Amino acid sequence: MGFLRDIGAPGVIVLIIAALIIFGPKRLPELGESIGKMFTSFKKSISGLTEEENSTKQDDKKTTKNRLYNMFKSISVKSIILSYLIIQLRSYGVC
């Protein structure tokens, strides 16, 4: 796309005149509309891919959160208290 940066105003005028000669004044608005629709559909498809990636990431996060919740849920209160007591006893040098 390097050559499009260097076109300038005279180049744009030449392109418009060439498009009018090739396609005609009746067909040029139809061509512009179809190109606009093409860009719109391309933009929607790109944003759809981005949304799909984001939803996949969110699903992964939800799955991870559910796994962690189930893991901590399975730990009983007794084992937590026992672990706490063991840690406290070790800090006092009893165990």
C-alpha atoms as a PDB file:
ATOM      1  CA  MET A   1       0.000   0.000   0.000  1.00  0.00           C
ATOM      2  CA  GLY A   2       2.999   2.278  -0.297  1.00  0.00           C
ATOM      3  CA  PHE A   3       1.957   3.699  -3.652  1.00  0.00           C
ATOM      4  CA  LEU A   4      -1.408   4.894  -2.271  1.00  0.00           C
ATOM      5  CA  ARG A   5       0.319   7.191   0.216  1.00  0.00           C
ATOM      6  CA  ASP A   6       2.052   9.094  -2.564  1.00  0.00           C
ATOM      7  CA  ILE A   7      -0.941   9.634  -4.871  1.00  0.00           C
ATOM      8  CA  GLY A   8      -1.950  13.114  -3.719  1.00  0.00           C
ATOM      9  CA  ALA A   9      -4.870  15.240  -4.930  1.00  0.00           C
ATOM     10  CA  PRO A  10      -4.067  15.140  -8.674  1.00  0.00           C
ATOM     11  CA  GLY A  11      -3.825  11.350  -8.565  1.00  0.00           C
ATOM     12  CA  VAL A  12      -7.195  11.065  -6.845  1.00  0.00           C
ATOM     13  CA  ILE A  13      -8.781  13.282  -9.509  1.00  0.00           C
ATOM     14  CA  VAL A  14      -7.293  11.113 -12.261  1.00  0.00           C
ATOM     15  CA  LEU A  15      -8.637   7.959 -10.560  1.00  0.00           C
ATOM     16  CA  ILE A  16     -12.141   9.452 -10.271  1.00  0.00           C
ATOM     17  CA  ILE A  17     -12.160  10.486 -13.936  1.00  0.00           C
ATOM     18  CA  ALA A  18     -10.906   7.022 -14.954  1.00  0.00           C
ATOM     19  CA  ALA A  19     -13.639   5.355 -12.843  1.00  0.00           C
ATOM     20  CA  LEU A  20     -16.280   7.581 -14.475  1.00  0.00           C
ATOM     21  CA  ILE A  21     -15.024   6.667 -17.949  1.00  0.00           C
ATOM     22  CA  ILE A  22     -14.799   2.921 -17.199  1.00  0.00           C
ATOM     23  CA  PHE A  23     -18.008   2.421 -15.194  1.00  0.00           C
ATOM     24  CA  GLY A  24     -20.149   5.382 -16.232  1.00  0.00           C
ATOM     25  CA  PRO A  25     -22.062   7.815 -14.064  1.00  0.00           C
ATOM     26  CA  LYS A  26     -25.042   5.460 -13.560  1.00  0.00           C
ATOM     27  CA  ARG A  27     -23.009   2.485 -12.449  1.00  0.00           C
ATOM     28  CA  LEU A  28     -20.559   4.333 -10.163  1.00  0.00           C
ATOM     29  CA  PRO A  29     -22.969   4.784  -7.180  1.00  0.00           C
ATOM     30  CA  GLU A  30     -23.855   1.065  -7.334  1.00  0.00           C
ATOM     31  CA  LEU A  31     -20.177   0.204  -7.329  1.00  0.00           C
ATOM     32  CA  GLY A  32     -19.551   2.480  -4.340  1.00  0.00           C
ATOM     33  CA  GLU A  33     -22.467   0.932  -2.459  1.00  0.00           C
ATOM     34  CA  SER A  34     -21.255  -2.611  -3.099  1.00  0.00           C
ATOM     35  CA  ILE A  35     -17.731  -1.709  -1.980  1.00  0.00           C
ATOM     36  CA  GLY A  36     -19.179  -0.126   1.184  1.00  0.00           C
ATOM     37  CA  LYS A  37     -21.202  -3.280   1.925  1.00  0.00           C
ATOM     38  CA  MET A  38     -18.089  -5.373   1.356  1.00  0.00           C
ATOM     39  CA  PHE A  39     -16.101  -3.324   3.885  1.00  0.00           C
ATOM     40  CA  THR A  40     -18.991  -3.454   6.382  1.00  0.00           C
ATOM     41  CA  SER A  41     -19.293  -7.246   6.149  1.00  0.00           C
ATOM     42  CA  PHE A  42     -15.512  -7.610   6.454  1.00  0.00           C
ATOM     43  CA  LYS A  43     -15.513  -5.406   9.550  1.00  0.00           C
ATOM     44  CA  LYS A  44     -18.365  -7.426  11.096  1.00  0.00           C
ATOM     45  CA  SER A  45     -16.580 -10.715  10.437  1.00  0.00           C
ATOM     46  CA  ILE A  46     -13.371  -9.420  12.022  1.00  0.00           C
ATOM     47  CA  SER A  47     -15.239  -8.177  15.096  1.00  0.00           C
ATOM     48  CA  GLY A  48     -17.065 -11.521  15.254  1.00  0.00           C
ATOM     49  CA  LEU A  49     -13.737 -13.328  15.453  1.00  0.00           C
ATOM     50  CA  THR A  50     -12.593 -11.009  18.213  1.00  0.00           C
ATOM     51  CA  GLU A  51     -15.823 -11.549  20.169  1.00  0.00           C
ATOM     52  CA  GLU A  52     -15.448 -15.315  19.725  1.00  0.00           C
ATOM     53  CA  GLU A  53     -11.917 -15.204  21.147  1.00  0.00           C
ATOM     54  CA  ASN A  54     -13.084 -13.095  24.093  1.00  0.00           C
ATOM     55  CA  SER A  55     -15.971 -15.461  24.846  1.00  0.00           C
ATOM     56  CA  THR A  56     -13.569 -18.417  24.714  1.00  0.00           C
ATOM     57  CA  LYS A  57     -11.269 -16.687  27.199  1.00  0.00           C
ATOM     58  CA  GLN A  58     -14.216 -15.915  29.480  1.00  0.00           C
ATOM     59  CA  ASP A  59     -15.365 -19.543  29.287  1.00  0.00           C
ATOM     60  CA  ASP A  60     -11.860 -20.670  30.247  1.00  0.00           C
ATOM     61  CA  LYS A  61     -11.879 -18.296  33.223  1.00  0.00           C
ATOM     62  CA  LYS A  62     -15.281 -19.577  34.334  1.00  0.00           C
ATOM     63  CA  THR A  63     -14.081 -23.176  34.062  1.00  0.00           C
ATOM     64  CA  THR A  64     -10.986 -22.394  36.117  1.00  0.00           C
ATOM     65  CA  LYS A  65     -13.062 -20.590  38.747  1.00  0.00           C
ATOM     66  CA  ASN A  66     -15.456 -23.535  38.956  1.00  0.00           C
ATOM     67  CA  ARG A  67     -12.574 -25.987  39.358  1.00  0.00           C
ATOM     68  CA  LEU A  68     -11.024 -23.903  42.137  1.00  0.00           C
ATOM     69  CA  TYR A  69     -14.390 -23.502  43.850  1.00  0.00           C
ATOM     70  CA  ASN A  70     -15.023 -27.244  43.742  1.00  0.00           C
ATOM     71  CA  MET A  71     -11.512 -27.950  45.020  1.00  0.00           C
ATOM     72  CA  PHE A  72     -11.871 -25.615  47.997  1.00  0.00           C
ATOM     73  CA  LYS A  73     -15.400 -26.803  48.593  1.00  0.00           C
ATOM     74  CA  SER A  74     -14.158 -30.366  48.939  1.00  0.00           C
ATOM     75  CA  ILE A  75     -11.681 -29.387  51.676  1.00  0.00           C
ATOM     76  CA  SER A  76     -13.423 -29.934  54.963  1.00  0.00           C
ATOM     77  CA  VAL A  77     -13.433 -27.478  57.827  1.00  0.00           C
ATOM     78  CA  LYS A  78     -11.777 -30.066  60.057  1.00  0.00           C
ATOM     79  CA  SER A  79      -8.774 -30.382  57.777  1.00  0.00           C
ATOM     80  CA  ILE A  80      -8.392 -26.589  57.660  1.00  0.00           C
ATOM     81  CA  ILE A  81      -8.502 -26.343  61.465  1.00  0.00           C
ATOM     82  CA  LEU A  82      -6.076 -29.247  61.802  1.00  0.00           C
ATOM     83  CA  SER A  83      -3.641 -27.616  59.338  1.00  0.00           C
ATOM     84  CA  TYR A  84      -3.884 -24.321  61.210  1.00  0.00           C
ATOM     85  CA  LEU A  85      -3.180 -26.015  64.525  1.00  0.00           C
ATOM     86  CA  ILE A  86      -0.178 -27.857  63.093  1.00  0.00           C
ATOM     87  CA  ILE A  87       1.219 -24.594  61.709  1.00  0.00           C
ATOM     88  CA  GLN A  88       0.736 -22.883  65.071  1.00  0.00           C
ATOM     89  CA  LEU A  89       2.358 -25.752  66.956  1.00  0.00           C
ATOM     90  CA  ARG A  90       5.346 -25.696  64.599  1.00  0.00           C
ATOM     91  CA  SER A  91       5.747 -21.956  65.073  1.00  0.00           C
ATOM     92  CA  TYR A  92       5.967 -22.535  68.853  1.00  0.00           C
ATOM     93  CA  GLY A  93       8.422 -25.368  68.312  1.00  0.00           C
ATOM     94  CA  VAL A  94       6.165 -28.084  69.699  1.00  0.00           C
ATOM     95  CA  CYS A  95       6.177 -30.267  66.560  1.00  0.00           C
END
